[in-house]
Amino acid sequence: MKRFVGCFFGSFNPIHNGHIKVLMNCFSKLDLDEMWVIVSPSNPLKSRCLIDENHRLEMVKLATINIPNVVVSNLEFSLSKPNYSINSLSKLVSMFPDTRFALIIGQDNLVDFHLWKDYTQILDLVEVYAHSRKIAPVDSTSEVSKKIRLLEFPAIPISSTKIRALLSENLSVKDFVPSSVNNYIESHNLYR
C-alpha cells in the first residue's frame, strides 16, 4: 500500500499558529502518513515583499520541530522560477512513485485555482483538499470544485499579512506565532 503524504505549500512569510492548526487538522481529518511543508521562494500569483527564503525555511523548521511526521522541504529552492505547483508536484510524483500525494490548499484558493498553471493536470496528478481558512462562497457546480474535496475546520482568524503589519509597527506577535518563531523574528529583526 502506498504511503499517503499531504503537501502544504506556502511562502510562510512568516509561519504562524494558523498554519500549525492546518497541519494538525489535516492529520486528524485525513489518514496521512506524513505532511510535507514545502516553502516556496516566490508565488507567481502574489506580488508581495518576501523576506529571504532561508529565514522563512528556518522559521518553518523551528515551528514544526516537535510535530511528529512533519517534513520541511526546500524542494522549490532548486526549481526554475517562477515556482508553479504543477512543476513541484510533477517532480515529487516522479521522485516518489510509491507515494500517494494530496495537495492541501486554502479554501480561498478555489476562487483563482483555474488561474494556476496547468490546474487540470494538478487535479489529475494528485488529490486536492481545500481547508477553510475563512468563510468563502464556493461554486459547487464548477469542474474545479467538483474535484476538490473540502475539509471543514474552524475558521482561523490570523494571517501572515496581519502579522507583518503588526511587526512593522513594532507590536508584539507572540500570541500569533510559535514562541520559537517569535524569538527568531526578534533576534533577526525581521519585518521591521
Protein backbone atom coordinates (compact mmCIF):
# COMPACT_ATOMS: atom_id res chain seq x y z
CA MET A 1 0.00 0.00 0.00
CA LYS A 2 1.30 3.45 -0.95
CA ARG A 3 2.11 5.89 1.82
CA PHE A 4 -0.13 8.94 1.86
CA VAL A 5 1.59 12.33 2.07
CA GLY A 6 -0.02 15.75 2.32
CA CYS A 7 1.78 18.64 0.62
CA PHE A 8 1.31 22.05 2.19
CA PHE A 9 2.98 24.68 0.00
CA GLY A 10 3.35 28.29 1.01
CA SER A 11 5.60 31.27 1.34
CA PHE A 12 5.13 31.16 5.14
CA ASN A 13 6.01 34.83 5.44
CA PRO A 14 6.05 34.10 8.41
CA ILE A 15 4.61 30.75 9.50
CA HIS A 16 2.01 31.28 12.24
CA ASN A 17 -0.27 29.38 14.61
CA GLY A 18 -2.97 29.17 11.93
CA HIS A 19 -0.60 27.19 9.69
CA ILE A 20 0.15 24.86 12.60
CA LYS A 21 -3.57 24.31 13.17
CA VAL A 22 -4.00 23.43 9.49
CA LEU A 23 -1.25 20.82 9.80
CA MET A 24 -2.81 19.30 12.89
CA ASN A 25 -6.31 19.36 11.38
CA CYS A 26 -5.08 17.61 8.22
CA PHE A 27 -3.65 14.81 10.34
CA SER A 28 -6.98 14.48 12.17
CA LYS A 29 -9.17 14.60 9.02
CA LEU A 30 -7.02 12.61 6.58
CA ASP A 31 -5.22 9.33 7.13
CA LEU A 32 -1.82 10.87 6.34
CA ASP A 33 1.46 9.10 6.95
CA GLU A 34 3.33 12.40 6.70
CA MET A 35 2.75 16.05 5.99
CA TRP A 36 5.38 17.84 3.90
CA VAL A 37 5.61 21.58 4.41
CA ILE A 38 7.17 22.98 1.25
CA VAL A 39 8.48 26.51 1.48
CA SER A 40 8.01 28.45 -1.76
CA PRO A 41 10.63 31.07 -2.60
CA SER A 42 8.04 33.00 -4.64
CA ASN A 43 4.42 32.88 -5.72
CA PRO A 44 3.54 33.74 -9.34
CA LEU A 45 0.02 34.89 -8.39
CA LYS A 46 1.04 37.12 -5.49
CA SER A 47 3.33 40.10 -5.61
CA ARG A 48 4.46 40.96 -2.14
CA CYS A 49 7.65 41.61 -0.31
CA LEU A 50 9.06 38.30 0.86
CA ILE A 51 11.92 38.08 3.29
CA ASP A 52 14.81 35.80 2.40
CA GLU A 53 13.68 32.24 1.71
CA ASN A 54 16.27 30.80 4.11
CA HIS A 55 14.81 32.81 7.02
CA ARG A 56 11.35 31.52 6.14
CA LEU A 57 12.61 27.95 5.85
CA GLU A 58 14.32 28.17 9.25
CA MET A 59 11.17 29.52 10.91
CA VAL A 60 9.11 26.65 9.46
CA LYS A 61 11.66 24.16 10.81
CA LEU A 62 11.51 25.80 14.24
CA ALA A 63 7.71 25.86 14.26
CA THR A 64 7.32 22.19 13.32
CA ILE A 65 10.29 20.55 15.01
CA ASN A 66 8.13 18.91 17.69
CA ILE A 67 5.27 17.81 15.43
CA PRO A 68 5.63 14.12 14.52
CA ASN A 69 5.56 13.13 10.85
CA VAL A 70 6.06 16.66 9.53
CA VAL A 71 8.84 17.06 6.98
CA VAL A 72 10.04 20.54 6.00
CA SER A 73 11.24 20.83 2.41
CA ASN A 74 13.14 23.36 0.32
CA LEU A 75 12.35 21.44 -2.88
CA GLU A 76 11.27 24.59 -4.73
CA PHE A 77 14.52 26.43 -3.96
CA SER A 78 16.26 24.40 -6.66
CA LEU A 79 13.48 24.50 -9.27
CA SER A 80 13.31 27.11 -12.01
CA LYS A 81 11.46 30.32 -11.21
CA PRO A 82 8.68 31.23 -11.07
CA ASN A 83 7.53 28.34 -8.89
CA TYR A 84 4.46 26.62 -10.25
CA SER A 85 2.71 23.93 -8.22
CA ILE A 86 2.43 21.65 -11.25
CA ASN A 87 6.23 21.58 -11.64
CA SER A 88 6.79 20.86 -7.95
CA LEU A 89 4.10 18.18 -7.79
CA SER A 90 5.33 16.53 -11.00
CA LYS A 91 8.82 16.43 -9.52
CA LEU A 92 7.55 14.86 -6.29
CA VAL A 93 5.47 12.24 -8.13
CA SER A 94 8.46 11.28 -10.28
CA MET A 95 10.84 11.17 -7.28
CA PHE A 96 8.46 9.13 -5.11
CA PRO A 97 6.39 6.84 -7.37
CA ASP A 98 5.27 4.72 -4.41
CA THR A 99 3.65 7.67 -2.66
CA ARG A 100 0.11 8.98 -2.95
CA PHE A 101 0.13 12.77 -2.69
CA ALA A 102 -2.53 15.23 -1.59
CA LEU A 103 -2.21 18.95 -2.20
CA ILE A 104 -3.58 21.00 0.70
CA ILE A 105 -4.77 24.48 -0.24
CA GLY A 106 -6.77 27.21 1.46
CA GLN A 107 -10.44 27.42 0.50
CA ASP A 108 -9.77 30.98 -0.65
CA ASN A 109 -7.56 29.50 -3.40
CA LEU A 110 -10.63 27.94 -5.01
CA VAL A 111 -11.57 31.33 -6.38
CA ASP A 112 -8.44 31.52 -8.55
CA PHE A 113 -7.47 27.85 -8.82
CA HIS A 114 -8.43 27.97 -12.51
CA LEU A 115 -5.62 30.55 -12.95
CA TRP A 116 -2.97 28.15 -11.66
CA LYS A 117 -0.63 26.89 -14.37
CA ASP A 118 -1.92 23.55 -15.72
CA TYR A 119 -4.51 23.31 -12.97
CA THR A 120 -6.34 20.44 -14.69
CA GLN A 121 -3.12 18.43 -14.69
CA ILE A 122 -2.77 19.09 -10.95
CA LEU A 123 -6.27 17.67 -10.42
CA ASP A 124 -5.32 14.59 -12.44
CA LEU A 125 -1.93 14.13 -10.77
CA VAL A 126 -2.81 14.40 -7.06
CA GLU A 127 -5.78 14.62 -4.73
CA VAL A 128 -6.61 18.20 -3.79
CA TYR A 129 -8.11 19.23 -0.47
CA ALA A 130 -9.17 22.75 0.47
CA HIS A 131 -9.23 23.75 4.12
CA SER A 132 -11.48 26.57 5.20
CA ARG A 133 -9.29 29.47 6.30
CA LYS A 134 -12.26 31.78 6.23
CA ILE A 135 -15.81 31.64 5.07
CA ALA A 136 -15.76 31.99 1.30
CA PRO A 137 -18.50 31.18 -1.18
CA VAL A 138 -17.77 28.10 -3.25
CA ASP A 139 -19.25 27.47 -6.68
CA SER A 140 -20.01 23.79 -6.24
CA THR A 141 -21.05 23.47 -9.90
CA SER A 142 -17.62 24.27 -11.35
CA GLU A 143 -15.43 21.43 -12.58
CA VAL A 144 -12.67 22.56 -10.24
CA SER A 145 -14.90 22.45 -7.17
CA LYS A 146 -16.23 19.01 -8.10
CA LYS A 147 -12.70 17.55 -7.99
CA ILE A 148 -11.51 19.34 -4.85
CA ARG A 149 -12.62 17.95 -1.51
CA LEU A 150 -13.39 20.44 1.24
CA LEU A 151 -12.03 19.92 4.74
CA GLU A 152 -14.15 21.62 7.35
CA PHE A 153 -12.02 23.27 10.00
CA PRO A 154 -12.85 26.05 12.41
CA ALA A 155 -12.06 29.44 10.88
CA ILE A 156 -8.55 30.64 11.72
CA PRO A 157 -8.66 34.43 12.09
CA ILE A 158 -4.98 35.13 11.50
CA SER A 159 -2.81 35.82 8.51
CA SER A 160 0.83 36.43 7.72
CA THR A 161 -0.22 39.82 6.31
CA LYS A 162 -1.64 40.85 9.70
CA ILE A 163 1.48 39.61 11.48
CA ARG A 164 3.78 41.58 9.16
CA ALA A 165 1.66 44.70 9.70
CA LEU A 166 1.92 44.35 13.48
CA LEU A 167 5.67 43.80 13.29
CA SER A 168 6.13 46.83 11.03
CA GLU A 169 4.59 48.89 13.83
CA ASN A 170 6.86 47.23 16.42
CA LEU A 171 3.90 45.48 18.04
CA SER A 172 4.06 42.04 19.60
CA VAL A 173 3.01 38.94 17.65
CA LYS A 174 3.81 36.41 20.39
CA ASP A 175 0.16 35.31 20.55
CA PHE A 176 0.06 34.57 16.81
CA VAL A 177 3.27 32.62 16.17
CA PRO A 178 5.06 29.78 17.97
CA SER A 179 7.47 31.11 20.60
CA SER A 180 10.47 29.77 18.66
CA VAL A 181 9.36 31.77 15.62
CA ASN A 182 8.76 34.88 17.71
CA ASN A 183 12.28 34.57 19.15
CA TYR A 184 13.73 34.10 15.66
CA ILE A 185 11.91 37.16 14.31
CA GLU A 186 13.10 39.28 17.23
CA SER A 187 16.68 38.06 17.15
CA HIS A 188 16.97 38.73 13.39
CA ASN A 189 14.91 41.94 13.50
CA LEU A 190 12.65 40.74 10.68
CA TYR A 191 9.67 42.56 9.11
CA ARG A 192 10.62 45.92 10.58
